[in-house]
PDB file of N, CA and C in Angstrom:
ATOM      1  N   MET A   1      78.146  84.755  81.973  1.00  0.00           N
ATOM      2  CA  MET A   1      78.732  85.246  83.352  1.00  0.00           C
ATOM      3  C   MET A   1      79.801  86.130  82.848  1.00  0.00           C
ATOM      4  N   GLU A   2      79.887  87.039  83.882  1.00  0.00           N
ATOM      5  CA  GLU A   2      81.453  87.999  83.647  1.00  0.00           C
ATOM      6  C   GLU A   2      82.249  87.329  84.519  1.00  0.00           C
ATOM      7  N   VAL A   3      84.179  87.631  83.911  1.00  0.00           N
ATOM      8  CA  VAL A   3      85.033  87.469  84.705  1.00  0.00           C
ATOM      9  C   VAL A   3      86.208  88.233  84.167  1.00  0.00           C
ATOM     10  N   LEU A   4      86.499  88.393  86.015  1.00  0.00           N
ATOM     11  CA  LEU A   4      87.552  89.464  85.755  1.00  0.00           C
ATOM     12  C   LEU A   4      89.166  89.131  85.441  1.00  0.00           C
ATOM     13  N   PHE A   5      89.802  89.529  84.611  1.00  0.00           N
ATOM     14  CA  PHE A   5      91.250  88.961  84.137  1.00  0.00           C
ATOM     15  C   PHE A   5      91.920  90.150  84.910  1.00  0.00           C
ATOM     16  N   VAL A   6      92.779  89.230  85.935  1.00  0.00           N
ATOM     17  CA  VAL A   6      93.785  90.282  86.352  1.00  0.00           C
ATOM     18  C   VAL A   6      94.826  89.823  86.012  1.00  0.00           C
ATOM     19  N   ILE A   7      96.071  91.359  85.196  1.00  0.00           N
ATOM     20  CA  ILE A   7      97.042  90.955  84.665  1.00  0.00           C
ATOM     21  C   ILE A   7      98.214  91.149  85.279  1.00  0.00           C
ATOM     22  N   TRP A   8      98.914  90.181  85.542  1.00  0.00           N
ATOM     23  CA  TRP A   8     100.010  90.194  86.666  1.00  0.00           C
ATOM     24  C   TRP A   8     100.977  90.497  85.260  1.00  0.00           C
ATOM     25  N   GLU A   9     102.097  91.611  86.007  1.00  0.00           N
ATOM     26  CA  GLU A   9     103.200  91.829  85.017  1.00  0.00           C
ATOM     27  C   GLU A   9     104.373  91.528  86.312  1.00  0.00           C
ATOM     28  N   GLY A  10     105.476  90.647  85.382  1.00  0.00           N
ATOM     29  CA  GLY A  10     106.901  91.292  85.740  1.00  0.00           C
ATOM     30  C   GLY A  10     107.426  92.127  86.078  1.00  0.00           C
ATOM     31  N   GLU A  11     108.525  91.976  86.886  1.00  0.00           N
ATOM     32  CA  GLU A  11     108.657  93.705  87.272  1.00  0.00           C
ATOM     33  C   GLU A  11     109.812  94.284  86.075  1.00  0.00           C
ATOM     34  N   ALA A  12     110.144  93.605  85.164  1.00  0.00           N
ATOM     35  CA  ALA A  12     110.449  94.395  84.461  1.00  0.00           C
ATOM     36  C   ALA A  12     109.802  94.973  83.138  1.00  0.00           C
ATOM     37  N   VAL A  13     108.471  94.294  83.133  1.00  0.00           N
ATOM     38  CA  VAL A  13     107.519  94.975  81.973  1.00  0.00           C
ATOM     39  C   VAL A  13     106.839  96.148  83.149  1.00  0.00           C
ATOM     40  N   ALA A  14     106.765  95.890  84.050  1.00  0.00           N
ATOM     41  CA  ALA A  14     106.303  96.985  84.936  1.00  0.00           C
ATOM     42  C   ALA A  14     107.306  98.498  85.044  1.00  0.00           C
ATOM     43  N   THR A  15     108.739  98.172  84.916  1.00  0.00           N
ATOM     44  CA  THR A  15     109.782  99.454  85.140  1.00  0.00           C
ATOM     45  C   THR A  15     110.436  99.478  83.890  1.00  0.00           C
ATOM     46  N   SER A  16     110.595  98.529  82.967  1.00  0.00           N
ATOM     47  CA  SER A  16     111.164  99.092  81.867  1.00  0.00           C
ATOM     48  C   SER A  16     110.331 100.069  80.649  1.00  0.00           C
ATOM     49  N   ASP A  17     110.852 100.969  80.153  1.00  0.00           N
ATOM     50  CA  ASP A  17     109.704 101.321  78.763  1.00  0.00           C
ATOM     51  C   ASP A  17     109.849 100.564  77.781  1.00  0.00           C
ATOM     52  N   ALA A  18     111.112  99.966  77.242  1.00  0.00           N
ATOM     53  CA  ALA A  18     111.059  99.251  76.219  1.00  0.00           C
ATOM     54  C   ALA A  18     110.136  97.791  76.479  1.00  0.00           C
ATOM     55  N   ALA A  19     110.175  97.478  77.542  1.00  0.00           N
ATOM     56  CA  ALA A  19     109.352  95.818  78.005  1.00  0.00           C
ATOM     57  C   ALA A  19     107.980  96.768  77.915  1.00  0.00           C
ATOM     58  N   ARG A  20     107.693  97.848  78.694  1.00  0.00           N
ATOM     59  CA  ARG A  20     106.277  97.990  78.582  1.00  0.00           C
ATOM     60  C   ARG A  20     105.966  98.183  77.333  1.00  0.00           C
ATOM     61  N   GLY A  21     106.601  98.952  76.328  1.00  0.00           N
ATOM     62  CA  GLY A  21     105.977  99.364  74.855  1.00  0.00           C
ATOM     63  C   GLY A  21     105.935  97.939  74.000  1.00  0.00           C
ATOM     64  N   GLU A  22     106.392  97.037  73.935  1.00  0.00           N
ATOM     65  CA  GLU A  22     106.310  95.607  73.700  1.00  0.00           C
ATOM     66  C   GLU A  22     104.899  95.014  74.305  1.00  0.00           C
ATOM     67  N   ALA A  23     104.876  95.429  75.439  1.00  0.00           N
ATOM     68  CA  ALA A  23     103.624  94.450  76.293  1.00  0.00           C
ATOM     69  C   ALA A  23     102.322  95.141  75.787  1.00  0.00           C
ATOM     70  N   VAL A  24     102.493  96.726  75.366  1.00  0.00           N
ATOM     71  CA  VAL A  24     101.359  97.407  75.259  1.00  0.00           C
ATOM     72  C   VAL A  24     101.172  96.927  73.594  1.00  0.00           C
ATOM     73  N   SER A  25     102.024  97.003  72.670  1.00  0.00           N
ATOM     74  CA  SER A  25     101.648  96.496  71.484  1.00  0.00           C
ATOM     75  C   SER A  25     101.074  95.075  71.159  1.00  0.00           C
ATOM     76  N   LEU A  26     101.701  94.280  72.005  1.00  0.00           N
ATOM     77  CA  LEU A  26     101.056  92.914  71.871  1.00  0.00           C
ATOM     78  C   LEU A  26      99.665  92.979  72.865  1.00  0.00           C
ATOM     79  N   MET A  27      99.628  93.687  73.773  1.00  0.00           N
ATOM     80  CA  MET A  27      98.158  93.442  74.409  1.00  0.00           C
ATOM     81  C   MET A  27      97.129  94.225  73.716  1.00  0.00           C
ATOM     82  N   GLY A  28      97.362  95.199  72.650  1.00  0.00           N
ATOM     83  CA  GLY A  28      96.493  95.920  71.860  1.00  0.00           C
ATOM     84  C   GLY A  28      95.902  94.861  70.822  1.00  0.00           C
ATOM     85  N   ALA A  29      96.760  93.856  70.187  1.00  0.00           N
ATOM     86  CA  ALA A  29      96.103  92.873  69.579  1.00  0.00           C
ATOM     87  C   ALA A  29      95.566  92.262  70.340  1.00  0.00           C
ATOM     88  N   TYR A  30      95.620  91.756  71.388  1.00  0.00           N
ATOM     89  CA  TYR A  30      94.667  90.846  72.115  1.00  0.00           C
ATOM     90  C   TYR A  30      93.856  91.411  72.515  1.00  0.00           C
ATOM     91  N   VAL A  31      93.715  93.001  72.988  1.00  0.00           N
ATOM     92  CA  VAL A  31      91.962  93.678  72.486  1.00  0.00           C
ATOM     93  C   VAL A  31      91.359  93.535  71.723  1.00  0.00           C
ATOM     94  N   PHE A  32      91.817  93.687  70.939  1.00  0.00           N
ATOM     95  CA  PHE A  32      90.936  93.633  69.493  1.00  0.00           C
ATOM     96  C   PHE A  32      90.478  92.224  68.927  1.00  0.00           C
ATOM     97  N   GLU A  33      91.375  91.308  69.382  1.00  0.00           N
ATOM     98  CA  GLU A  33      90.746  89.722  69.397  1.00  0.00           C
ATOM     99  C   GLU A  33      89.701  89.890  70.273  1.00  0.00           C
ATOM    100  N   LEU A  34      89.297  90.038  71.500  1.00  0.00           N
ATOM    101  CA  LEU A  34      88.157  90.064  72.101  1.00  0.00           C
ATOM    102  C   LEU A  34      87.391  90.994  71.671  1.00  0.00           C
ATOM    103  N   LEU A  35      87.909  92.261  71.425  1.00  0.00           N
ATOM    104  CA  LEU A  35      86.323  93.171  70.717  1.00  0.00           C
ATOM    105  C   LEU A  35      85.939  92.052  69.641  1.00  0.00           C
ATOM    106  N   GLU A  36      86.528  91.635  68.490  1.00  0.00           N
ATOM    107  CA  GLU A  36      85.647  91.073  67.426  1.00  0.00           C
ATOM    108  C   GLU A  36      85.327  89.631  68.105  1.00  0.00           C
ATOM    109  N   LYS A  37      85.649  89.356  69.031  1.00  0.00           N
ATOM    110  CA  LYS A  37      84.754  88.231  69.409  1.00  0.00           C
ATOM    111  C   LYS A  37      83.537  88.218  70.086  1.00  0.00           C
ATOM    112  N   GLY A  38      83.481  89.776  70.251  1.00  0.00           N
ATOM    113  CA  GLY A  38      82.448  90.492  71.053  1.00  0.00           C
ATOM    114  C   GLY A  38      82.221  89.691  72.499  1.00  0.00           C
ATOM    115  N   LYS A  39      83.793  89.705  73.400  1.00  0.00           N
ATOM    116  CA  LYS A  39      83.489  88.926  74.722  1.00  0.00           C
ATOM    117  C   LYS A  39      84.138  90.107  75.703  1.00  0.00           C
ATOM    118  N   LEU A  40      84.764  91.129  75.341  1.00  0.00           N
ATOM    119  CA  LEU A  40      85.291  92.618  75.805  1.00  0.00           C
ATOM    120  C   LEU A  40      84.085  93.370  76.801  1.00  0.00           C
ATOM    121  N   LYS A  41      84.176  93.270  78.005  1.00  0.00           N
ATOM    122  CA  LYS A  41      83.067  94.026  78.496  1.00  0.00           C
ATOM    123  C   LYS A  41      83.840  96.035  79.110  1.00  0.00           C
ATOM    124  N   GLY A  42      85.105  95.368  79.232  1.00  0.00           N
ATOM    125  CA  GLY A  42      85.534  96.556  79.703  1.00  0.00           C
ATOM    126  C   GLY A  42      87.057  96.224  80.211  1.00  0.00           C
ATOM    127  N   GLY A  43      88.161  97.141  80.547  1.00  0.00           N
ATOM    128  CA  GLY A  43      89.301  96.939  80.710  1.00  0.00           C
ATOM    129  C   GLY A  43      90.156  98.596  80.713  1.00  0.00           C
ATOM    130  N   ALA A  44      91.267  97.964  81.363  1.00  0.00           N
ATOM    131  CA  ALA A  44      92.000  99.134  81.626  1.00  0.00           C
ATOM    132  C   ALA A  44      94.026  98.461  82.082  1.00  0.00           C
ATOM    133  N   PRO A  45      94.311  99.364  81.703  1.00  0.00           N
ATOM    134  CA  PRO A  45      95.654  98.881  82.095  1.00  0.00           C
ATOM    135  C   PRO A  45      96.106  99.911  83.420  1.00  0.00           C
ATOM    136  N   LEU A  46      96.808  99.757  84.524  1.00  0.00           N
ATOM    137  CA  LEU A  46      96.979 100.408  85.556  1.00  0.00           C
ATOM    138  C   LEU A  46      98.383 101.248  85.827  1.00  0.00           C
ATOM    139  N   ARG A  47      98.331 102.610  86.590  1.00  0.00           N
ATOM    140  CA  ARG A  47      99.259 103.037  87.084  1.00  0.00           C
ATOM    141  C   ARG A  47     100.386 102.448  87.563  1.00  0.00           C
ATOM    142  N   PRO A  48     101.788 102.736  87.348  1.00  0.00           N
ATOM    143  CA  PRO A  48     102.713 101.966  88.422  1.00  0.00           C
ATOM    144  C   PRO A  48     102.320 101.531  89.628  1.00  0.00           C
ATOM    145  N   ALA A  49     102.605 100.218  90.335  1.00  0.00           N
ATOM    146  CA  ALA A  49     102.701  99.618  91.393  1.00  0.00           C
ATOM    147  C   ALA A  49     103.303 100.758  92.864  1.00  0.00           C
ATOM    148  N   SER A  50     104.463 101.895  92.282  1.00  0.00           N
ATOM    149  CA  SER A  50     105.082 102.214  92.745  1.00  0.00           C
ATOM    150  C   SER A  50     104.040 103.808  92.843  1.00  0.00           C
ATOM    151  N   GLU A  51     102.909 103.811  92.311  1.00  0.00           N
ATOM    152  CA  GLU A  51     102.264 105.251  92.488  1.00  0.00           C
ATOM    153  C   GLU A  51     100.778 104.800  93.663  1.00  0.00           C
ATOM    154  N   ALA A  52     101.009 103.436  93.843  1.00  0.00           N
ATOM    155  CA  ALA A  52      99.493 102.964  94.875  1.00  0.00           C
ATOM    156  C   ALA A  52      99.840 103.342  95.944  1.00  0.00           C
ATOM    157  N   VAL A  53      98.662 103.344  96.385  1.00  0.00           N
ATOM    158  CA  VAL A  53      98.297 103.657  97.692  1.00  0.00           C
ATOM    159  C   VAL A  53      96.946 102.344  98.702  1.00  0.00           C
ATOM    160  N   THR A  54      97.874 101.947  99.834  1.00  0.00           N
ATOM    161  CA  THR A  54      96.926 100.872 100.252  1.00  0.00           C
ATOM    162  C   THR A  54      95.994 101.349 101.363  1.00  0.00           C
ATOM    163  N   VAL A  55      95.169 100.943 101.818  1.00  0.00           N
ATOM    164  CA  VAL A  55      94.451 101.370 103.140  1.00  0.00           C
ATOM    165  C   VAL A  55      93.896 100.211 103.651  1.00  0.00           C
ATOM    166  N   ARG A  56      94.219 100.198 105.086  1.00  0.00           N
ATOM    167  CA  ARG A  56      94.018  98.749 105.710  1.00  0.00           C
ATOM    168  C   ARG A  56      93.681  99.223 107.204  1.00  0.00           C
ATOM    169  N   ALA A  57      93.210  98.511 108.162  1.00  0.00           N
ATOM    170  CA  ALA A  57      93.226  98.761 109.609  1.00  0.00           C
ATOM    171  C   ALA A  57      94.358  98.228 110.418  1.00  0.00           C
ATOM    172  N   LYS A  58      94.548  99.137 111.291  1.00  0.00           N
ATOM    173  CA  LYS A  58      95.849  98.713 112.309  1.00  0.00           C
ATOM    174  C   LYS A  58      95.113  99.190 113.395  1.00  0.00           C
ATOM    175  N   GLU A  59      94.957  98.538 114.492  1.00  0.00           N
ATOM    176  CA  GLU A  59      94.382  98.775 115.977  1.00  0.00           C
ATOM    177  C   GLU A  59      92.650  99.446 115.672  1.00  0.00           C
ATOM    178  N   GLY A  60      92.368  98.845 114.701  1.00  0.00           N
ATOM    179  CA  GLY A  60      91.232  99.477 114.358  1.00  0.00           C
ATOM    180  C   GLY A  60      90.909 101.001 113.843  1.00  0.00           C
ATOM    181  N   LYS A  61      91.982 101.600 113.122  1.00  0.00           N
ATOM    182  CA  LYS A  61      92.053 102.600 112.729  1.00  0.00           C
ATOM    183  C   LYS A  61      92.529 102.521 111.304  1.00  0.00           C
ATOM    184  N   PRO A  62      91.828 103.205 110.207  1.00  0.00           N
ATOM    185  CA  PRO A  62      92.507 103.298 109.042  1.00  0.00           C
ATOM    186  C   PRO A  62      94.022 103.565 108.772  1.00  0.00           C
ATOM    187  N   LEU A  63      95.043 102.919 108.230  1.00  0.00           N
ATOM    188  CA  LEU A  63      96.252 103.337 107.737  1.00  0.00           C
ATOM    189  C   LEU A  63      96.476 103.799 106.549  1.00  0.00           C
ATOM    190  N   VAL A  64      97.277 104.358 106.128  1.00  0.00           N
ATOM    191  CA  VAL A  64      97.598 104.446 104.455  1.00  0.00           C
ATOM    192  C   VAL A  64      98.794 104.511 104.511  1.00  0.00           C
ATOM    193  N   VAL A  65      99.336 103.749 103.689  1.00  0.00           N
ATOM    194  CA  VAL A  65     100.639 103.571 102.984  1.00  0.00           C
ATOM    195  C   VAL A  65     100.592 103.370 101.601  1.00  0.00           C
ATOM    196  N   ASP A  66     101.951 103.789 101.287  1.00  0.00           N
ATOM    197  CA  ASP A  66     102.762 103.832  99.816  1.00  0.00           C
ATOM    198  C   ASP A  66     102.802 102.428  99.257  1.00  0.00           C
ATOM    199  N   GLY A  67     102.554 102.425  98.136  1.00  0.00           N
ATOM    200  CA  GLY A  67     102.774 101.084  97.859  1.00  0.00           C
ATOM    201  C   GLY A  67     101.708 100.259  97.271  1.00  0.00           C
ATOM    202  N   PRO A  68     101.849  99.085  96.887  1.00  0.00           N
ATOM    203  CA  PRO A  68     101.294  97.633  97.228  1.00  0.00           C
ATOM    204  C   PRO A  68     100.950  97.424  98.187  1.00  0.00           C
ATOM    205  N   TYR A  69     100.198  96.670  98.395  1.00  0.00           N
ATOM    206  CA  TYR A  69      99.287  95.731  99.594  1.00  0.00           C
ATOM    207  C   TYR A  69     100.610  94.686  99.923  1.00  0.00           C
ATOM    208  N   ALA A  70     101.813  93.769  99.203  1.00  0.00           N
ATOM    209  CA  ALA A  70     102.538  92.873  99.074  1.00  0.00           C
ATOM    210  C   ALA A  70     103.487  92.893  98.639  1.00  0.00           C
ATOM    211  N   GLU A  71     104.585  92.779  99.224  1.00  0.00           N
ATOM    212  CA  GLU A  71     105.905  92.783  98.519  1.00  0.00           C
ATOM    213  C   GLU A  71     106.073  90.963  97.762  1.00  0.00           C
ATOM    214  N   THR A  72     106.042  91.408  96.429  1.00  0.00           N
ATOM    215  CA  THR A  72     105.649  90.457  95.120  1.00  0.00           C
ATOM    216  C   THR A  72     106.782  91.032  93.756  1.00  0.00           C
ATOM    217  N   LYS A  73     107.598  89.788  93.030  1.00  0.00           N
ATOM    218  CA  LYS A  73     108.078  89.857  91.864  1.00  0.00           C
ATOM    219  C   LYS A  73     107.197  90.530  90.943  1.00  0.00           C
ATOM    220  N   ASP A  74     105.950  90.183  90.886  1.00  0.00           N
ATOM    221  CA  ASP A  74     104.713  90.665  89.946  1.00  0.00           C
ATOM    222  C   ASP A  74     103.724  91.550  90.792  1.00  0.00           C
ATOM    223  N   VAL A  75     103.439  92.643  89.315  1.00  0.00           N
ATOM    224  CA  VAL A  75     102.423  93.183  90.257  1.00  0.00           C
ATOM    225  C   VAL A  75     101.159  93.164  89.047  1.00  0.00           C
ATOM    226  N   ILE A  76      99.846  94.048  89.751  1.00  0.00           N
ATOM    227  CA  ILE A  76      98.580  94.113  88.887  1.00  0.00           C
ATOM    228  C   ILE A  76      99.347  95.303  87.972  1.00  0.00           C
ATOM    229  N   GLY A  77      98.847  94.550  86.545  1.00  0.00           N
ATOM    230  CA  GLY A  77      99.543  95.541  85.775  1.00  0.00           C
ATOM    231  C   GLY A  77      97.999  96.449  84.565  1.00  0.00           C
ATOM    232  N   GLY A  78      96.808  95.453  84.967  1.00  0.00           N
ATOM    233  CA  GLY A  78      95.825  95.797  84.177  1.00  0.00           C
ATOM    234  C   GLY A  78      94.935  95.034  84.854  1.00  0.00           C
ATOM    235  N   TYR A  79      93.453  94.858  83.822  1.00  0.00           N
ATOM    236  CA  TYR A  79      92.415  94.110  83.892  1.00  0.00           C
ATOM    237  C   TYR A  79      91.776  94.206  82.637  1.00  0.00           C
ATOM    238  N   PHE A  80      90.966  92.996  82.818  1.00  0.00           N
ATOM    239  CA  PHE A  80      89.704  93.134  81.930  1.00  0.00           C
ATOM    240  C   PHE A  80      88.476  92.350  82.097  1.00  0.00           C
ATOM    241  N   VAL A  81      87.233  92.773  81.766  1.00  0.00           N
ATOM    242  CA  VAL A  81      86.166  91.923  81.882  1.00  0.00           C
ATOM    243  C   VAL A  81      85.479  91.611  80.780  1.00  0.00           C
ATOM    244  N   VAL A  82      85.483  90.480  81.042  1.00  0.00           N
ATOM    245  CA  VAL A  82      85.056  89.170  79.840  1.00  0.00           C
ATOM    246  C   VAL A  82      83.770  88.876  79.960  1.00  0.00           C
ATOM    247  N   GLU A  83      82.896  88.827  79.263  1.00  0.00           N
ATOM    248  CA  GLU A  83      81.351  88.032  79.045  1.00  0.00           C
ATOM    249  C   GLU A  83      81.649  86.696  78.540  1.00  0.00           C
ATOM    250  N   VAL A  84      81.629  85.429  79.409  1.00  0.00           N
ATOM    251  CA  VAL A  84      81.751  84.505  78.609  1.00  0.00           C
ATOM    252  C   VAL A  84      80.210  83.317  79.396  1.00  0.00           C
ATOM    253  N   GLY A  85      80.545  82.051  78.772  1.00  0.00           N
ATOM    254  CA  GLY A  85      79.398  81.183  79.020  1.00  0.00           C
ATOM    255  C   GLY A  85      80.098  80.318  80.098  1.00  0.00           C
ATOM    256  N   SER A  86      80.863  79.984  80.562  1.00  0.00           N
ATOM    257  CA  SER A  86      82.191  79.213  81.592  1.00  0.00           C
ATOM    258  C   SER A  86      83.468  79.653  82.052  1.00  0.00           C
ATOM    259  N   MET A  87      83.539  79.407  83.051  1.00  0.00           N
ATOM    260  CA  MET A  87      85.062  79.604  83.392  1.00  0.00           C
ATOM    261  C   MET A  87      86.109  78.977  82.316  1.00  0.00           C
ATOM    262  N   GLU A  88      85.473  77.477  81.988  1.00  0.00           N
ATOM    263  CA  GLU A  88      86.420  76.869  80.764  1.00  0.00           C
ATOM    264  C   GLU A  88      86.432  78.101  79.654  1.00  0.00           C
ATOM    265  N   GLU A  89      85.545  78.693  79.426  1.00  0.00           N
ATOM    266  CA  GLU A  89      85.681  79.610  77.860  1.00  0.00           C
ATOM    267  C   GLU A  89      86.700  80.835  78.612  1.00  0.00           C
ATOM    268  N   ALA A  90      86.137  81.234  79.941  1.00  0.00           N
ATOM    269  CA  ALA A  90      87.196  82.313  79.971  1.00  0.00           C
ATOM    270  C   ALA A  90      88.689  81.975  79.982  1.00  0.00           C
ATOM    271  N   THR A  91      89.144  80.675  80.526  1.00  0.00           N
ATOM    272  CA  THR A  91      90.399  79.944  80.449  1.00  0.00           C
ATOM    273  C   THR A  91      91.082  80.109  78.933  1.00  0.00           C
ATOM    274  N   GLU A  92      90.096  79.746  78.190  1.00  0.00           N
ATOM    275  CA  GLU A  92      90.879  79.460  77.014  1.00  0.00           C
ATOM    276  C   GLU A  92      90.844  80.850  76.536  1.00  0.00           C
ATOM    277  N   LEU A  93      90.099  82.003  76.448  1.00  0.00           N
ATOM    278  CA  LEU A  93      90.626  83.151  76.423  1.00  0.00           C
ATOM    279  C   LEU A  93      91.922  83.677  76.575  1.00  0.00           C
ATOM    280  N   ALA A  94      92.074  83.342  77.754  1.00  0.00           N
ATOM    281  CA  ALA A  94      93.319  83.813  78.753  1.00  0.00           C
ATOM    282  C   ALA A  94      94.531  83.066  78.233  1.00  0.00           C
ATOM    283  N   ARG A  95      94.580  81.713  77.559  1.00  0.00           N
ATOM    284  CA  ARG A  95      95.612  81.054  77.032  1.00  0.00           C
ATOM    285  C   ARG A  95      96.103  82.208  76.219  1.00  0.00           C
ATOM    286  N   SER A  96      96.046  82.936  75.408  1.00  0.00           N
ATOM    287  CA  SER A  96      96.511  83.566  74.023  1.00  0.00           C
ATOM    288  C   SER A  96      96.719  84.897  74.654  1.00  0.00           C
ATOM    289  N   CYS A  97      96.094  85.773  75.765  1.00  0.00           N
ATOM    290  CA  CYS A  97      96.509  86.712  76.411  1.00  0.00           C
ATOM    291  C   CYS A  97      98.228  86.782  76.532  1.00  0.00           C
ATOM    292  N   PRO A  98      98.858  87.793  76.220  1.00  0.00           N
ATOM    293  CA  PRO A  98     100.059  87.853  76.040  1.00  0.00           C
ATOM    294  C   PRO A  98     101.021  88.009  77.586  1.00  0.00           C
ATOM    295  N   ALA A  99     100.085  88.418  78.427  1.00  0.00           N
ATOM    296  CA  ALA A  99     100.513  88.694  80.164  1.00  0.00           C
ATOM    297  C   ALA A  99     100.952  87.089  80.641  1.00  0.00           C
ATOM    298  N   VAL A 100     100.353  86.301  79.831  1.00  0.00           N
ATOM    299  CA  VAL A 100     100.649  85.015  80.543  1.00  0.00           C
ATOM    300  C   VAL A 100     102.199  84.607  80.313  1.00  0.00           C
ATOM    301  N   THR A 101     103.056  85.194  79.042  1.00  0.00           N
ATOM    302  CA  THR A 101     104.632  85.207  79.165  1.00  0.00           C
ATOM    303  C   THR A 101     105.452  86.383  80.020  1.00  0.00           C
ATOM    304  N   ARG A 102     104.404  87.133  80.878  1.00  0.00           N
ATOM    305  CA  ARG A 102     105.165  87.922  81.077  1.00  0.00           C
ATOM    306  C   ARG A 102     104.959  88.157  82.812  1.00  0.00           C
ATOM    307  N   GLY A 103     103.973  87.012  83.232  1.00  0.00           N
ATOM    308  CA  GLY A 103     103.348  87.312  84.543  1.00  0.00           C
ATOM    309  C   GLY A 103     102.484  86.262  84.774  1.00  0.00           C
ATOM    310  N   GLY A 104     100.901  86.825  84.764  1.00  0.00           N
ATOM    311  CA  GLY A 104     100.021  85.632  84.806  1.00  0.00           C
ATOM    312  C   GLY A 104      99.319  86.289  84.430  1.00  0.00           C
ATOM    313  N   VAL A 105      97.594  85.860  84.320  1.00  0.00           N
ATOM    314  CA  VAL A 105      96.631  86.467  84.055  1.00  0.00           C
ATOM    315  C   VAL A 105      95.827  85.504  85.110  1.00  0.00           C
ATOM    316  N   GLU A 106      95.086  86.118  86.188  1.00  0.00           N
ATOM    317  CA  GLU A 106      94.324  85.421  87.223  1.00  0.00           C
ATOM    318  C   GLU A 106      92.952  85.554  86.594  1.00  0.00           C
ATOM    319  N   LEU A 107      91.969  84.555  86.756  1.00  0.00           N
ATOM    320  CA  LEU A 107      91.038  84.900  86.212  1.00  0.00           C
ATOM    321  C   LEU A 107      89.738  84.566  87.872  1.00  0.00           C
ATOM    322  N   ARG A 108      89.035  85.562  87.560  1.00  0.00           N
ATOM    323  CA  ARG A 108      88.275  85.427  88.723  1.00  0.00           C
ATOM    324  C   ARG A 108      86.615  85.720  88.510  1.00  0.00           C
ATOM    325  N   ALA A 109      86.005  84.917  88.743  1.00  0.00           N
ATOM    326  CA  ALA A 109      84.297  84.893  88.355  1.00  0.00           C
ATOM    327  C   ALA A 109      83.859  86.179  89.280  1.00  0.00           C
ATOM    328  N   ILE A 110      82.868  86.869  88.378  1.00  0.00           N
ATOM    329  CA  ILE A 110      82.340  88.151  89.098  1.00  0.00           C
ATOM    330  C   ILE A 110      80.892  87.880  89.896  1.00  0.00           C
ATOM    331  N   VAL A 111      80.428  88.131  90.977  1.00  0.00           N
ATOM    332  CA  VAL A 111      79.498  87.854  91.402  1.00  0.00           C
ATOM    333  C   VAL A 111      78.613  88.924  91.184  1.00  0.00           C
ATOM    334  N   PRO A 112      77.613  88.745  90.280  1.00  0.00           N
ATOM    335  CA  PRO A 112      76.305  89.573  90.132  1.00  0.00           C
ATOM    336  C   PRO A 112      75.600  90.146  91.573  1.00  0.00           C
ATOM    337  N   MET A 113      75.852  91.614  91.101  1.00  0.00           N
ATOM    338  CA  MET A 113      75.263  91.995  92.496  1.00  0.00           C
ATOM    339  C   MET A 113      73.523  92.845  91.846  1.00  0.00           C
ATOM    340  N   GLY A 114      72.580  92.307  92.220  1.00  0.00           N
ATOM    341  CA  GLY A 114      71.455  93.242  91.888  1.00  0.00           C
ATOM    342  C   GLY A 114      70.405  92.587  91.241  1.00  0.00           C
TER     343      GLY A 114
END
């Protein structure tokens, strides 16, 4: 099964160059660990939330607004797609992700299409 790891970052990681540099270094080691285990299917960091655009309907018409869709202290900083045998295995892999201490990791099973 494939599981999406949504990487949530605290505001300091998202806005501080020093914090981001440390996070990138730690995350690089984590990526290498996932690769060694043959679990990583893909993933990438995302541009800052301040550059995001959200499209949603207002009165039945698309409305484009700048920024993330919700006000929050944490922002989505990136994602991984991992191949695992169960959500329990995904949870164990996520426990060692550096983002756990900087915001969090949300795990979502991917529904196979096709």
